[in-house]
Amino acid sequence: MTESESPRVTRPTMVVLGVQDGTPPYRLVEVAGELVGKAHSVLDVIEIARQLGLDDIDLDDPDVVRWVGGDKFTWTPWWPRHPPKPEPRA
């Protein structure tokens, strides 16, 4: 197999991990395998990138940003919150 026939495997510059349950929910952001911040919206992802010198980052390019557990529009957990169980009556 020649190099041109082999699949292209690249590591994206930024990885936005799945939504974490919190008030408000958030997503952790990694760059080069290191945790660099917490984002509550896509605007936070853009701000983190800007602070790291990635001013013209393309959030839709999978070679640049990998979205785990949803896309750039996913900012709430997909699983429902469980309400507290009522205490048994005596």
Protein backbone atom coordinates (compact mmCIF):
# COMPACT_ATOMS: atom_id res chain seq x y z
CA MET A 1 0.00 0.00 0.00
CA THR A 2 1.39 3.35 -0.96
CA GLU A 3 1.09 6.46 1.16
CA SER A 4 -1.51 7.90 -1.21
CA GLU A 5 -3.67 4.78 -0.79
CA SER A 6 -3.53 4.71 3.00
CA PRO A 7 -6.34 6.35 4.95
CA ARG A 8 -5.63 9.82 6.24
CA VAL A 9 -5.59 9.93 10.01
CA THR A 10 -5.22 13.31 11.64
CA ARG A 11 -5.67 14.58 15.14
CA PRO A 12 -7.93 17.62 15.33
CA THR A 13 -6.54 20.79 16.86
CA MET A 14 -9.41 21.03 19.35
CA VAL A 15 -11.69 18.41 20.94
CA VAL A 16 -14.95 19.48 22.56
CA LEU A 17 -16.03 16.69 24.89
CA GLY A 18 -19.61 15.61 25.64
CA VAL A 19 -22.03 17.61 27.72
CA GLN A 20 -21.50 17.39 31.48
CA ASP A 21 -24.47 17.71 33.78
CA GLY A 22 -24.25 20.92 35.74
CA THR A 23 -26.05 24.17 36.39
CA PRO A 24 -25.67 25.23 33.64
CA PRO A 25 -24.46 22.19 31.61
CA TYR A 26 -21.00 22.53 30.09
CA ARG A 27 -18.49 20.84 27.80
CA LEU A 28 -14.78 20.44 28.47
CA VAL A 29 -12.39 21.61 25.76
CA GLU A 30 -9.03 20.01 24.96
CA VAL A 31 -6.25 21.26 22.72
CA ALA A 32 -3.34 18.96 21.86
CA GLY A 33 -4.62 16.46 24.44
CA GLU A 34 -4.61 18.98 27.30
CA LEU A 35 -7.67 20.35 29.07
CA VAL A 36 -7.81 24.07 28.34
CA GLY A 37 -11.25 25.16 29.47
CA LYS A 38 -14.92 24.73 30.13
CA ALA A 39 -17.50 25.92 27.61
CA HIS A 40 -21.16 26.67 28.28
CA SER A 41 -21.89 27.61 24.67
CA VAL A 42 -20.32 27.68 21.24
CA LEU A 43 -19.27 31.27 21.96
CA ASP A 44 -17.10 29.99 24.81
CA VAL A 45 -15.42 27.54 22.40
CA ILE A 46 -14.68 30.43 20.03
CA GLU A 47 -13.29 32.52 22.92
CA ILE A 48 -11.06 29.67 24.13
CA ALA A 49 -9.73 29.24 20.59
CA ARG A 50 -9.12 32.99 20.28
CA GLN A 51 -7.21 33.07 23.59
CA LEU A 52 -4.98 30.28 22.28
CA GLY A 53 -4.23 32.16 19.06
CA LEU A 54 -6.65 30.16 16.89
CA ASP A 55 -8.53 33.22 15.65
CA ASP A 56 -9.96 31.84 12.40
CA ILE A 57 -10.95 28.38 13.64
CA ASP A 58 -13.50 26.54 11.48
CA LEU A 59 -15.87 24.84 13.94
CA ASP A 60 -17.35 22.75 11.10
CA ASP A 61 -14.05 21.25 9.92
CA PRO A 62 -13.56 17.80 11.53
CA ASP A 63 -9.80 18.09 10.94
CA VAL A 64 -9.79 21.16 13.21
CA VAL A 65 -12.53 20.52 15.80
CA ARG A 66 -13.88 17.17 16.95
CA TRP A 67 -17.27 17.34 18.68
CA VAL A 68 -17.82 14.39 21.03
CA GLY A 69 -21.37 13.49 22.05
CA GLY A 70 -23.11 15.94 19.76
CA ASP A 71 -22.33 18.88 17.53
CA LYS A 72 -21.82 22.58 18.12
CA PHE A 73 -25.56 22.94 18.80
CA THR A 74 -25.63 20.32 21.61
CA TRP A 75 -25.41 22.03 24.99
CA THR A 76 -27.78 20.03 27.19
CA PRO A 77 -27.40 16.42 28.31
CA TRP A 78 -29.44 14.00 26.25
CA TRP A 79 -30.38 11.93 29.28
CA PRO A 80 -33.27 13.17 31.43
CA ARG A 81 -32.62 14.27 34.96
CA HIS A 82 -34.14 12.00 37.54
CA PRO A 83 -36.36 13.83 40.01
CA PRO A 84 -35.70 13.06 43.67
CA LYS A 85 -37.61 10.03 44.87
CA PRO A 86 -40.36 10.79 47.34
CA GLU A 87 -39.72 9.58 50.84
CA PRO A 88 -41.97 6.72 51.98
CA ARG A 89 -44.84 7.68 54.23
CA ALA A 90 -44.89 6.24 57.72
